[in-house]
């Protein structure tokens, strides 16, 4: 199954590549972006002040470093919640199956007839 990255994930990937300075080509390949998406996300990150252009290419600003720090905290919490939610879905499915078994047993006991007939 293909897992698509969210906008914040892509921005974080771009910033992580450019953390010590990088050229467009390196960012494109390491962040696994098409040229069209590279242009879009580099433009966004420059416009909001996460990245600045210098003679060597692109480098992350203090604002970009702060974003990465907060993104790391968010990402960790989000992953924990996703795992917990998946566990709850599994528990719900187990409960649903238990109800289905009870329904089948009840149907066999009553001979498949509705009560009161």
PDB file of N, CA and C in Angstrom:
ATOM      1  N   UNK A   1       0.845  -1.167   0.000  1.00  0.00           N
ATOM      2  CA  UNK A   1       0.000   0.000   0.000  1.00  0.00           C
ATOM      3  C   UNK A   1       0.903   1.247   0.000  1.00  0.00           C
ATOM      4  N   UNK A   2       0.561   2.202  -0.817  1.00  0.00           N
ATOM      5  CA  UNK A   2       1.317   3.445  -0.920  1.00  0.00           C
ATOM      6  C   UNK A   2       0.858   4.388   0.183  1.00  0.00           C
ATOM      7  N   UNK A   3       1.816   4.943   0.893  1.00  0.00           N
ATOM      8  CA  UNK A   3       1.489   5.905   1.942  1.00  0.00           C
ATOM      9  C   UNK A   3       1.854   7.292   1.435  1.00  0.00           C
ATOM     10  N   UNK A   4       0.863   8.136   1.345  1.00  0.00           N
ATOM     11  CA  UNK A   4       1.082   9.491   0.873  1.00  0.00           C
ATOM     12  C   UNK A   4       1.528  10.380   2.021  1.00  0.00           C
ATOM     13  N   UNK A   5       2.434  11.289   1.710  1.00  0.00           N
ATOM     14  CA  UNK A   5       2.897  12.228   2.723  1.00  0.00           C
ATOM     15  C   UNK A   5       1.967  13.428   2.770  1.00  0.00           C
ATOM     16  N   UNK A   6       1.786  13.932   3.960  1.00  0.00           N
ATOM     17  CA  UNK A   6       1.005  15.147   4.136  1.00  0.00           C
ATOM     18  C   UNK A   6       1.894  16.354   3.868  1.00  0.00           C
ATOM     19  N   UNK A   7       1.268  17.497   3.682  1.00  0.00           N
ATOM     20  CA  UNK A   7       1.970  18.741   3.391  1.00  0.00           C
ATOM     21  C   UNK A   7       3.047  19.027   4.438  1.00  0.00           C
ATOM     22  N   UNK A   8       2.707  18.899   5.724  1.00  0.00           N
ATOM     23  CA  UNK A   8       3.685  19.172   6.783  1.00  0.00           C
ATOM     24  C   UNK A   8       4.867  18.212   6.717  1.00  0.00           C
ATOM     25  N   UNK A   9       4.597  16.950   6.363  1.00  0.00           N
ATOM     26  CA  UNK A   9       5.671  15.962   6.244  1.00  0.00           C
ATOM     27  C   UNK A   9       6.653  16.359   5.135  1.00  0.00           C
ATOM     28  N   UNK A  10       6.105  16.827   4.020  1.00  0.00           N
ATOM     29  CA  UNK A  10       6.957  17.221   2.890  1.00  0.00           C
ATOM     30  C   UNK A  10       7.789  18.448   3.259  1.00  0.00           C
ATOM     31  N   UNK A  11       7.155  19.417   3.903  1.00  0.00           N
ATOM     32  CA  UNK A  11       7.896  20.612   4.330  1.00  0.00           C
ATOM     33  C   UNK A  11       9.023  20.220   5.283  1.00  0.00           C
ATOM     34  N   UNK A  12       8.735  19.334   6.228  1.00  0.00           N
ATOM     35  CA  UNK A  12       9.770  18.872   7.164  1.00  0.00           C
ATOM     36  C   UNK A  12      10.885  18.148   6.420  1.00  0.00           C
ATOM     37  N   UNK A  13      10.546  17.339   5.423  1.00  0.00           N
ATOM     38  CA  UNK A  13      11.562  16.641   4.635  1.00  0.00           C
ATOM     39  C   UNK A  13      12.468  17.642   3.920  1.00  0.00           C
ATOM     40  N   UNK A  14      11.878  18.661   3.322  1.00  0.00           N
ATOM     41  CA  UNK A  14      12.663  19.693   2.627  1.00  0.00           C
ATOM     42  C   UNK A  14      13.604  20.385   3.614  1.00  0.00           C
ATOM     43  N   UNK A  15      13.079  20.748   4.768  1.00  0.00           N
ATOM     44  CA  UNK A  15      13.908  21.446   5.762  1.00  0.00           C
ATOM     45  C   UNK A  15      15.024  20.546   6.291  1.00  0.00           C
ATOM     46  N   UNK A  16      14.729  19.288   6.512  1.00  0.00           N
ATOM     47  CA  UNK A  16      15.758  18.364   7.000  1.00  0.00           C
ATOM     48  C   UNK A  16      16.902  18.218   6.004  1.00  0.00           C
ATOM     49  N   UNK A  17      16.587  18.229   4.718  1.00  0.00           N
ATOM     50  CA  UNK A  17      17.644  18.127   3.708  1.00  0.00           C
ATOM     51  C   UNK A  17      18.476  19.409   3.686  1.00  0.00           C
ATOM     52  N   UNK A  18      17.809  20.546   3.835  1.00  0.00           N
ATOM     53  CA  UNK A  18      18.495  21.839   3.714  1.00  0.00           C
ATOM     54  C   UNK A  18      19.068  22.349   5.034  1.00  0.00           C
ATOM     55  N   UNK A  19      19.003  21.555   6.084  1.00  0.00           N
ATOM     56  CA  UNK A  19      19.404  22.020   7.414  1.00  0.00           C
ATOM     57  C   UNK A  19      20.847  22.555   7.430  1.00  0.00           C
ATOM     58  N   UNK A  20      21.737  21.932   6.680  1.00  0.00           N
ATOM     59  CA  UNK A  20      23.131  22.396   6.618  1.00  0.00           C
ATOM     60  C   UNK A  20      23.469  23.016   5.263  1.00  0.00           C
ATOM     61  N   UNK A  21      22.441  23.386   4.523  1.00  0.00           N
ATOM     62  CA  UNK A  21      22.630  23.963   3.200  1.00  0.00           C
ATOM     63  C   UNK A  21      22.563  22.884   2.131  1.00  0.00           C
ATOM     64  N   UNK A  22      21.842  23.168   1.057  1.00  0.00           N
ATOM     65  CA  UNK A  22      21.724  22.201  -0.029  1.00  0.00           C
ATOM     66  C   UNK A  22      21.253  22.909  -1.292  1.00  0.00           C
ATOM     67  N   UNK A  23      21.596  22.325  -2.410  1.00  0.00           N
ATOM     68  CA  UNK A  23      21.136  22.833  -3.701  1.00  0.00           C
ATOM     69  C   UNK A  23      19.811  22.159  -4.060  1.00  0.00           C
ATOM     70  N   UNK A  24      19.142  22.728  -5.055  1.00  0.00           N
ATOM     71  CA  UNK A  24      17.830  22.221  -5.471  1.00  0.00           C
ATOM     72  C   UNK A  24      17.861  20.727  -5.789  1.00  0.00           C
ATOM     73  N   UNK A  25      18.852  20.313  -6.543  1.00  0.00           N
ATOM     74  CA  UNK A  25      18.912  18.908  -6.982  1.00  0.00           C
ATOM     75  C   UNK A  25      18.985  17.968  -5.786  1.00  0.00           C
ATOM     76  N   UNK A  26      19.807  18.289  -4.817  1.00  0.00           N
ATOM     77  CA  UNK A  26      19.932  17.433  -3.628  1.00  0.00           C
ATOM     78  C   UNK A  26      18.608  17.385  -2.861  1.00  0.00           C
ATOM     79  N   UNK A  27      17.980  18.540  -2.681  1.00  0.00           N
ATOM     80  CA  UNK A  27      16.702  18.579  -1.972  1.00  0.00           C
ATOM     81  C   UNK A  27      15.670  17.735  -2.717  1.00  0.00           C
ATOM     82  N   UNK A  28      15.628  17.886  -4.026  1.00  0.00           N
ATOM     83  CA  UNK A  28      14.658  17.142  -4.831  1.00  0.00           C
ATOM     84  C   UNK A  28      14.830  15.630  -4.664  1.00  0.00           C
ATOM     85  N   UNK A  29      16.064  15.146  -4.754  1.00  0.00           N
ATOM     86  CA  UNK A  29      16.305  13.705  -4.673  1.00  0.00           C
ATOM     87  C   UNK A  29      16.151  13.160  -3.251  1.00  0.00           C
ATOM     88  N   UNK A  30      16.730  13.834  -2.285  1.00  0.00           N
ATOM     89  CA  UNK A  30      16.677  13.314  -0.915  1.00  0.00           C
ATOM     90  C   UNK A  30      15.259  13.404  -0.345  1.00  0.00           C
ATOM     91  N   UNK A  31      14.528  14.483  -0.664  1.00  0.00           N
ATOM     92  CA  UNK A  31      13.154  14.632  -0.178  1.00  0.00           C
ATOM     93  C   UNK A  31      12.166  13.857  -1.063  1.00  0.00           C
ATOM     94  N   UNK A  32      12.670  13.257  -2.139  1.00  0.00           N
ATOM     95  CA  UNK A  32      11.862  12.439  -3.042  1.00  0.00           C
ATOM     96  C   UNK A  32      10.686  13.232  -3.623  1.00  0.00           C
ATOM     97  N   UNK A  33      11.023  14.330  -4.289  1.00  0.00           N
ATOM     98  CA  UNK A  33      10.010  15.197  -4.883  1.00  0.00           C
ATOM     99  C   UNK A  33      10.224  15.319  -6.385  1.00  0.00           C
ATOM    100  N   UNK A  34       9.141  15.487  -7.114  1.00  0.00           N
ATOM    101  CA  UNK A  34       9.253  15.823  -8.528  1.00  0.00           C
ATOM    102  C   UNK A  34       9.724  17.270  -8.609  1.00  0.00           C
ATOM    103  N   UNK A  35      10.172  17.691  -9.785  1.00  0.00           N
ATOM    104  CA  UNK A  35      10.629  19.066  -9.931  1.00  0.00           C
ATOM    105  C   UNK A  35       9.486  20.040  -9.645  1.00  0.00           C
ATOM    106  N   UNK A  36       8.289  19.708 -10.109  1.00  0.00           N
ATOM    107  CA  UNK A  36       7.122  20.565  -9.883  1.00  0.00           C
ATOM    108  C   UNK A  36       6.845  20.732  -8.398  1.00  0.00           C
ATOM    109  N   UNK A  37       6.871  19.634  -7.634  1.00  0.00           N
ATOM    110  CA  UNK A  37       6.635  19.723  -6.195  1.00  0.00           C
ATOM    111  C   UNK A  37       7.793  20.400  -5.470  1.00  0.00           C
ATOM    112  N   UNK A  38       9.012  20.189  -5.942  1.00  0.00           N
ATOM    113  CA  UNK A  38      10.160  20.875  -5.363  1.00  0.00           C
ATOM    114  C   UNK A  38       9.974  22.379  -5.462  1.00  0.00           C
ATOM    115  N   UNK A  39       9.608  22.851  -6.645  1.00  0.00           N
ATOM    116  CA  UNK A  39       9.393  24.287  -6.853  1.00  0.00           C
ATOM    117  C   UNK A  39       8.291  24.810  -5.932  1.00  0.00           C
ATOM    118  N   UNK A  40       7.224  24.060  -5.816  1.00  0.00           N
ATOM    119  CA  UNK A  40       6.099  24.477  -4.969  1.00  0.00           C
ATOM    120  C   UNK A  40       6.531  24.604  -3.505  1.00  0.00           C
ATOM    121  N   UNK A  41       7.146  23.554  -2.972  1.00  0.00           N
ATOM    122  CA  UNK A  41       7.490  23.549  -1.544  1.00  0.00           C
ATOM    123  C   UNK A  41       8.690  24.439  -1.218  1.00  0.00           C
ATOM    124  N   UNK A  42       9.646  24.554  -2.121  1.00  0.00           N
ATOM    125  CA  UNK A  42      10.741  25.500  -1.883  1.00  0.00           C
ATOM    126  C   UNK A  42      10.195  26.924  -1.864  1.00  0.00           C
ATOM    127  N   UNK A  43       9.291  27.217  -2.790  1.00  0.00           N
ATOM    128  CA  UNK A  43       8.668  28.544  -2.816  1.00  0.00           C
ATOM    129  C   UNK A  43       7.927  28.837  -1.524  1.00  0.00           C
ATOM    130  N   UNK A  44       7.163  27.856  -1.051  1.00  0.00           N
ATOM    131  CA  UNK A  44       6.416  28.031   0.206  1.00  0.00           C
ATOM    132  C   UNK A  44       7.358  28.252   1.387  1.00  0.00           C
ATOM    133  N   UNK A  45       8.386  27.428   1.474  1.00  0.00           N
ATOM    134  CA  UNK A  45       9.282  27.528   2.630  1.00  0.00           C
ATOM    135  C   UNK A  45      10.079  28.832   2.621  1.00  0.00           C
ATOM    136  N   UNK A  46      10.427  29.316   1.441  1.00  0.00           N
ATOM    137  CA  UNK A  46      11.121  30.610   1.343  1.00  0.00           C
ATOM    138  C   UNK A  46      10.145  31.727   1.716  1.00  0.00           C
ATOM    139  N   UNK A  47       8.922  31.652   1.192  1.00  0.00           N
ATOM    140  CA  UNK A  47       7.930  32.714   1.450  1.00  0.00           C
ATOM    141  C   UNK A  47       7.584  32.864   2.925  1.00  0.00           C
ATOM    142  N   UNK A  48       7.536  31.776   3.671  1.00  0.00           N
ATOM    143  CA  UNK A  48       7.193  31.881   5.097  1.00  0.00           C
ATOM    144  C   UNK A  48       8.429  32.103   5.973  1.00  0.00           C
ATOM    145  N   UNK A  49       9.599  32.079   5.353  1.00  0.00           N
ATOM    146  CA  UNK A  49      10.817  32.368   6.100  1.00  0.00           C
ATOM    147  C   UNK A  49      11.474  31.174   6.759  1.00  0.00           C
ATOM    148  N   UNK A  50      11.135  29.953   6.333  1.00  0.00           N
ATOM    149  CA  UNK A  50      11.776  28.756   6.882  1.00  0.00           C
ATOM    150  C   UNK A  50      13.125  28.496   6.225  1.00  0.00           C
ATOM    151  N   UNK A  51      13.252  28.955   4.987  1.00  0.00           N
ATOM    152  CA  UNK A  51      14.467  28.713   4.198  1.00  0.00           C
ATOM    153  C   UNK A  51      14.872  30.032   3.557  1.00  0.00           C
ATOM    154  N   UNK A  52      16.170  30.209   3.419  1.00  0.00           N
ATOM    155  CA  UNK A  52      16.660  31.384   2.686  1.00  0.00           C
ATOM    156  C   UNK A  52      17.612  30.921   1.595  1.00  0.00           C
ATOM    157  N   UNK A  53      17.696  31.716   0.558  1.00  0.00           N
ATOM    158  CA  UNK A  53      18.586  31.413  -0.562  1.00  0.00           C
ATOM    159  C   UNK A  53      19.921  32.098  -0.291  1.00  0.00           C
ATOM    160  N   UNK A  54      21.003  31.362  -0.513  1.00  0.00           N
ATOM    161  CA  UNK A  54      22.337  31.950  -0.404  1.00  0.00           C
ATOM    162  C   UNK A  54      23.157  31.536  -1.619  1.00  0.00           C
ATOM    163  N   UNK A  55      24.424  31.864  -1.640  1.00  0.00           N
ATOM    164  CA  UNK A  55      25.282  31.542  -2.793  1.00  0.00           C
ATOM    165  C   UNK A  55      25.418  30.043  -3.022  1.00  0.00           C
ATOM    166  N   UNK A  56      25.306  29.270  -1.963  1.00  0.00           N
ATOM    167  CA  UNK A  56      25.481  27.813  -2.048  1.00  0.00           C
ATOM    168  C   UNK A  56      24.176  27.072  -2.330  1.00  0.00           C
ATOM    169  N   UNK A  57      23.062  27.755  -2.300  1.00  0.00           N
ATOM    170  CA  UNK A  57      21.771  27.106  -2.518  1.00  0.00           C
ATOM    171  C   UNK A  57      20.750  27.574  -1.500  1.00  0.00           C
ATOM    172  N   UNK A  58      20.260  26.647  -0.709  1.00  0.00           N
ATOM    173  CA  UNK A  58      19.219  26.941   0.279  1.00  0.00           C
ATOM    174  C   UNK A  58      19.673  26.510   1.659  1.00  0.00           C
ATOM    175  N   UNK A  59      19.314  27.301   2.663  1.00  0.00           N
ATOM    176  CA  UNK A  59      19.634  26.914   4.032  1.00  0.00           C
ATOM    177  C   UNK A  59      18.457  27.266   4.944  1.00  0.00           C
ATOM    178  N   UNK A  60      18.327  26.489   5.991  1.00  0.00           N
ATOM    179  CA  UNK A  60      17.223  26.653   6.937  1.00  0.00           C
ATOM    180  C   UNK A  60      17.515  27.825   7.870  1.00  0.00           C
ATOM    181  N   UNK A  61      16.493  28.633   8.111  1.00  0.00           N
ATOM    182  CA  UNK A  61      16.612  29.776   9.027  1.00  0.00           C
ATOM    183  C   UNK A  61      16.281  29.324  10.456  1.00  0.00           C
ATOM    184  N   UNK A  62      16.434  30.231  11.395  1.00  0.00           N
ATOM    185  CA  UNK A  62      16.039  29.917  12.783  1.00  0.00           C
ATOM    186  C   UNK A  62      14.546  29.588  12.862  1.00  0.00           C
ATOM    187  N   UNK A  63      13.748  30.316  12.099  1.00  0.00           N
ATOM    188  CA  UNK A  63      12.305  30.047  12.068  1.00  0.00           C
ATOM    189  C   UNK A  63      12.050  28.626  11.544  1.00  0.00           C
ATOM    190  N   UNK A  64      12.818  28.222  10.555  1.00  0.00           N
ATOM    191  CA  UNK A  64      12.694  26.868  10.015  1.00  0.00           C
ATOM    192  C   UNK A  64      13.122  25.817  11.032  1.00  0.00           C
ATOM    193  N   UNK A  65      14.165  26.102  11.789  1.00  0.00           N
ATOM    194  CA  UNK A  65      14.629  25.173  12.832  1.00  0.00           C
ATOM    195  C   UNK A  65      13.578  25.026  13.938  1.00  0.00           C
ATOM    196  N   UNK A  66      12.947  26.147  14.272  1.00  0.00           N
ATOM    197  CA  UNK A  66      11.876  26.103  15.269  1.00  0.00           C
ATOM    198  C   UNK A  66      10.714  25.248  14.760  1.00  0.00           C
ATOM    199  N   UNK A  67      10.365  25.416  13.476  1.00  0.00           N
ATOM    200  CA  UNK A  67       9.319  24.590  12.880  1.00  0.00           C
ATOM    201  C   UNK A  67       9.684  23.108  12.991  1.00  0.00           C
ATOM    202  N   UNK A  68      10.923  22.764  12.649  1.00  0.00           N
ATOM    203  CA  UNK A  68      11.347  21.362  12.708  1.00  0.00           C
ATOM    204  C   UNK A  68      11.257  20.801  14.121  1.00  0.00           C
ATOM    205  N   UNK A  69      11.622  21.614  15.097  1.00  0.00           N
ATOM    206  CA  UNK A  69      11.537  21.168  16.490  1.00  0.00           C
ATOM    207  C   UNK A  69      10.079  20.891  16.874  1.00  0.00           C
ATOM    208  N   UNK A  70       9.200  21.825  16.552  1.00  0.00           N
ATOM    209  CA  UNK A  70       7.783  21.659  16.882  1.00  0.00           C
ATOM    210  C   UNK A  70       7.159  20.524  16.068  1.00  0.00           C
ATOM    211  N   UNK A  71       7.574  20.386  14.828  1.00  0.00           N
ATOM    212  CA  UNK A  71       7.079  19.303  13.977  1.00  0.00           C
ATOM    213  C   UNK A  71       7.485  17.946  14.567  1.00  0.00           C
ATOM    214  N   UNK A  72       8.706  17.841  15.057  1.00  0.00           N
ATOM    215  CA  UNK A  72       9.171  16.588  15.663  1.00  0.00           C
ATOM    216  C   UNK A  72       8.318  16.204  16.858  1.00  0.00           C
ATOM    217  N   UNK A  73       7.985  17.180  17.696  1.00  0.00           N
ATOM    218  CA  UNK A  73       7.128  16.920  18.859  1.00  0.00           C
ATOM    219  C   UNK A  73       5.731  16.489  18.399  1.00  0.00           C
ATOM    220  N   UNK A  74       5.192  17.228  17.436  1.00  0.00           N
ATOM    221  CA  UNK A  74       3.866  16.908  16.911  1.00  0.00           C
ATOM    222  C   UNK A  74       3.852  15.521  16.291  1.00  0.00           C
ATOM    223  N   UNK A  75       4.837  15.235  15.468  1.00  0.00           N
ATOM    224  CA  UNK A  75       4.902  13.968  14.749  1.00  0.00           C
ATOM    225  C   UNK A  75       4.957  12.785  15.712  1.00  0.00           C
ATOM    226  N   UNK A  76       5.715  12.935  16.783  1.00  0.00           N
ATOM    227  CA  UNK A  76       5.825  11.882  17.786  1.00  0.00           C
ATOM    228  C   UNK A  76       4.471  11.628  18.452  1.00  0.00           C
ATOM    229  N   UNK A  77       3.819  12.700  18.868  1.00  0.00           N
ATOM    230  CA  UNK A  77       2.497  12.567  19.509  1.00  0.00           C
ATOM    231  C   UNK A  77       1.471  12.001  18.532  1.00  0.00           C
ATOM    232  N   UNK A  78       1.503  12.464  17.286  1.00  0.00           N
ATOM    233  CA  UNK A  78       0.561  12.015  16.270  1.00  0.00           C
ATOM    234  C   UNK A  78       0.726  10.513  16.013  1.00  0.00           C
ATOM    235  N   UNK A  79       1.967  10.048  15.917  1.00  0.00           N
ATOM    236  CA  UNK A  79       2.225   8.616  15.693  1.00  0.00           C
ATOM    237  C   UNK A  79       1.702   7.779  16.851  1.00  0.00           C
ATOM    238  N   UNK A  80       1.909   8.255  18.070  1.00  0.00           N
ATOM    239  CA  UNK A  80       1.412   7.546  19.247  1.00  0.00           C
ATOM    240  C   UNK A  80      -0.103   7.448  19.210  1.00  0.00           C
ATOM    241  N   UNK A  81      -0.763   8.541  18.886  1.00  0.00           N
ATOM    242  CA  UNK A  81      -2.228   8.539  18.815  1.00  0.00           C
ATOM    243  C   UNK A  81      -2.743   7.642  17.691  1.00  0.00           C
ATOM    244  N   UNK A  82      -2.056   7.622  16.558  1.00  0.00           N
ATOM    245  CA  UNK A  82      -2.461   6.748  15.453  1.00  0.00           C
ATOM    246  C   UNK A  82      -2.390   5.282  15.873  1.00  0.00           C
ATOM    247  N   UNK A  83      -1.312   4.907  16.562  1.00  0.00           N
ATOM    248  CA  UNK A  83      -1.181   3.520  17.028  1.00  0.00           C
ATOM    249  C   UNK A  83      -2.283   3.186  18.027  1.00  0.00           C
ATOM    250  N   UNK A  84      -2.561   4.112  18.927  1.00  0.00           N
ATOM    251  CA  UNK A  84      -3.607   3.895  19.919  1.00  0.00           C
ATOM    252  C   UNK A  84      -4.979   3.764  19.245  1.00  0.00           C
ATOM    253  N   UNK A  85      -5.238   4.607  18.266  1.00  0.00           N
ATOM    254  CA  UNK A  85      -6.505   4.542  17.541  1.00  0.00           C
ATOM    255  C   UNK A  85      -6.642   3.223  16.796  1.00  0.00           C
ATOM    256  N   UNK A  86      -5.560   2.759  16.203  1.00  0.00           N
ATOM    257  CA  UNK A  86      -5.596   1.469  15.503  1.00  0.00           C
ATOM    258  C   UNK A  86      -5.912   0.340  16.490  1.00  0.00           C
ATOM    259  N   UNK A  87      -5.332   0.403  17.683  1.00  0.00           N
ATOM    260  CA  UNK A  87      -5.642  -0.599  18.711  1.00  0.00           C
ATOM    261  C   UNK A  87      -7.106  -0.552  19.113  1.00  0.00           C
ATOM    262  N   UNK A  88      -7.657   0.631  19.210  1.00  0.00           N
ATOM    263  CA  UNK A  88      -9.070   0.769  19.572  1.00  0.00           C
ATOM    264  C   UNK A  88      -9.966   0.228  18.462  1.00  0.00           C
ATOM    265  N   UNK A  89      -9.578   0.438  17.213  1.00  0.00           N
ATOM    266  CA  UNK A  89     -10.361  -0.113  16.089  1.00  0.00           C
ATOM    267  C   UNK A  89     -10.364  -1.635  16.166  1.00  0.00           C
ATOM    268  N   UNK A  90      -9.215  -2.209  16.503  1.00  0.00           N
ATOM    269  CA  UNK A  90      -9.128  -3.659  16.634  1.00  0.00           C
ATOM    270  C   UNK A  90     -10.039  -4.149  17.762  1.00  0.00           C
ATOM    271  N   UNK A  91     -10.005  -3.453  18.906  1.00  0.00           N
ATOM    272  CA  UNK A  91     -10.861  -3.836  20.031  1.00  0.00           C
ATOM    273  C   UNK A  91     -12.337  -3.763  19.646  1.00  0.00           C
ATOM    274  N   UNK A  92     -12.711  -2.714  18.908  1.00  0.00           N
ATOM    275  CA  UNK A  92     -14.105  -2.576  18.463  1.00  0.00           C
ATOM    276  C   UNK A  92     -14.491  -3.738  17.557  1.00  0.00           C
ATOM    277  N   UNK A  93     -13.581  -4.122  16.660  1.00  0.00           N
ATOM    278  CA  UNK A  93     -13.861  -5.232  15.753  1.00  0.00           C
ATOM    279  C   UNK A  93     -14.062  -6.532  16.529  1.00  0.00           C
ATOM    280  N   UNK A  94     -13.242  -6.757  17.554  1.00  0.00           N
ATOM    281  CA  UNK A  94     -13.399  -7.943  18.398  1.00  0.00           C
ATOM    282  C   UNK A  94     -14.772  -7.933  19.059  1.00  0.00           C
ATOM    283  N   UNK A  95     -15.170  -6.785  19.594  1.00  0.00           N
ATOM    284  CA  UNK A  95     -16.488  -6.674  20.231  1.00  0.00           C
ATOM    285  C   UNK A  95     -17.613  -6.906  19.229  1.00  0.00           C
ATOM    286  N   UNK A  96     -17.462  -6.365  18.017  1.00  0.00           N
ATOM    287  CA  UNK A  96     -18.475  -6.573  16.972  1.00  0.00           C
ATOM    288  C   UNK A  96     -18.591  -8.059  16.631  1.00  0.00           C
ATOM    289  N   UNK A  97     -17.459  -8.744  16.536  1.00  0.00           N
ATOM    290  CA  UNK A  97     -17.483 -10.180  16.227  1.00  0.00           C
ATOM    291  C   UNK A  97     -18.136 -10.971  17.357  1.00  0.00           C
ATOM    292  N   UNK A  98     -17.889 -10.543  18.594  1.00  0.00           N
ATOM    293  CA  UNK A  98     -18.528 -11.221  19.728  1.00  0.00           C
ATOM    294  C   UNK A  98     -20.044 -11.086  19.636  1.00  0.00           C
ATOM    295  N   UNK A  99     -20.507  -9.920  19.238  1.00  0.00           N
ATOM    296  CA  UNK A  99     -21.950  -9.690  19.084  1.00  0.00           C
ATOM    297  C   UNK A  99     -22.521 -10.540  17.958  1.00  0.00           C
ATOM    298  N   UNK A 100     -21.769 -10.689  16.887  1.00  0.00           N
ATOM    299  CA  UNK A 100     -22.218 -11.517  15.770  1.00  0.00           C
ATOM    300  C   UNK A 100     -22.342 -12.977  16.210  1.00  0.00           C
ATOM    301  N   UNK A 101     -21.382 -13.463  16.983  1.00  0.00           N
ATOM    302  CA  UNK A 101     -21.448 -14.841  17.482  1.00  0.00           C
ATOM    303  C   UNK A 101     -22.662 -15.014  18.380  1.00  0.00           C
ATOM    304  N   UNK A 102     -22.925 -14.034  19.226  1.00  0.00           N
ATOM    305  CA  UNK A 102     -24.083 -14.103  20.117  1.00  0.00           C
ATOM    306  C   UNK A 102     -25.362 -14.123  19.307  1.00  0.00           C
ATOM    307  N   UNK A 103     -25.417 -13.391  18.223  1.00  0.00           N
ATOM    308  CA  UNK A 103     -26.598 -13.343  17.360  1.00  0.00           C
ATOM    309  C   UNK A 103     -26.826 -14.706  16.697  1.00  0.00           C
ATOM    310  N   UNK A 104     -25.757 -15.349  16.244  1.00  0.00           N
ATOM    311  CA  UNK A 104     -25.858 -16.666  15.604  1.00  0.00           C
ATOM    312  C   UNK A 104     -26.329 -17.703  16.613  1.00  0.00           C
ATOM    313  N   UNK A 105     -25.746 -17.683  17.806  1.00  0.00           N
ATOM    314  CA  UNK A 105     -26.137 -18.639  18.851  1.00  0.00           C
ATOM    315  C   UNK A 105     -27.594 -18.436  19.215  1.00  0.00           C
ATOM    316  N   UNK A 106     -28.019 -17.205  19.380  1.00  0.00           N
ATOM    317  CA  UNK A 106     -29.404 -16.886  19.719  1.00  0.00           C
ATOM    318  C   UNK A 106     -30.341 -17.380  18.630  1.00  0.00           C
ATOM    319  N   UNK A 107     -29.945 -17.233  17.393  1.00  0.00           N
ATOM    320  CA  UNK A 107     -30.765 -17.667  16.266  1.00  0.00           C
ATOM    321  C   UNK A 107     -30.915 -19.176  16.263  1.00  0.00           C
ATOM    322  N   UNK A 108     -29.844 -19.905  16.612  1.00  0.00           N
ATOM    323  CA  UNK A 108     -29.910 -21.374  16.649  1.00  0.00           C
ATOM    324  C   UNK A 108     -30.811 -21.838  17.778  1.00  0.00           C
ATOM    325  N   UNK A 109     -30.749 -21.174  18.917  1.00  0.00           N
ATOM    326  CA  UNK A 109     -31.553 -21.554  20.079  1.00  0.00           C
ATOM    327  C   UNK A 109     -33.035 -21.342  19.803  1.00  0.00           C
ATOM    328  N   UNK A 110     -33.387 -20.270  19.126  1.00  0.00           N
ATOM    329  CA  UNK A 110     -34.800 -19.990  18.854  1.00  0.00           C
ATOM    330  C   UNK A 110     -35.258 -20.620  17.563  1.00  0.00           C
ATOM    331  N   UNK A 111     -34.375 -21.372  16.897  1.00  0.00           N
ATOM    332  CA  UNK A 111     -34.748 -22.050  15.661  1.00  0.00           C
ATOM    333  C   UNK A 111     -34.864 -21.103  14.482  1.00  0.00           C
ATOM    334  N   UNK A 112     -34.240 -19.984  14.602  1.00  0.00           N
ATOM    335  CA  UNK A 112     -34.255 -19.022  13.502  1.00  0.00           C
ATOM    336  C   UNK A 112     -35.522 -18.191  13.474  1.00  0.00           C
ATOM    337  N   UNK A 113     -36.418 -18.402  14.462  1.00  0.00           N
ATOM    338  CA  UNK A 113     -37.662 -17.634  14.498  1.00  0.00           C
ATOM    339  C   UNK A 113     -37.487 -16.421  15.387  1.00  0.00           C
ATOM    340  N   UNK A 114     -38.273 -15.435  15.133  1.00  0.00           N
ATOM    341  CA  UNK A 114     -38.291 -14.274  15.992  1.00  0.00           C
ATOM    342  C   UNK A 114     -39.039 -14.616  17.241  1.00  0.00           C
ATOM    343  N   UNK A 115     -38.692 -14.033  18.330  1.00  0.00           N
ATOM    344  CA  UNK A 115     -39.362 -14.286  19.594  1.00  0.00           C
ATOM    345  C   UNK A 115     -40.809 -13.805  19.522  1.00  0.00           C
ATOM    346  N   UNK A 116     -41.657 -14.517  20.170  1.00  0.00           N
ATOM    347  CA  UNK A 116     -43.046 -14.138  20.249  1.00  0.00           C
ATOM    348  C   UNK A 116     -43.876 -14.631  19.072  1.00  0.00           C
ATOM    349  N   UNK A 117     -43.315 -15.483  18.200  1.00  0.00           N
ATOM    350  CA  UNK A 117     -44.113 -16.013  17.074  1.00  0.00           C
ATOM    351  C   UNK A 117     -44.430 -17.445  17.283  1.00  0.00           C
TER     352      UNK A 117
END
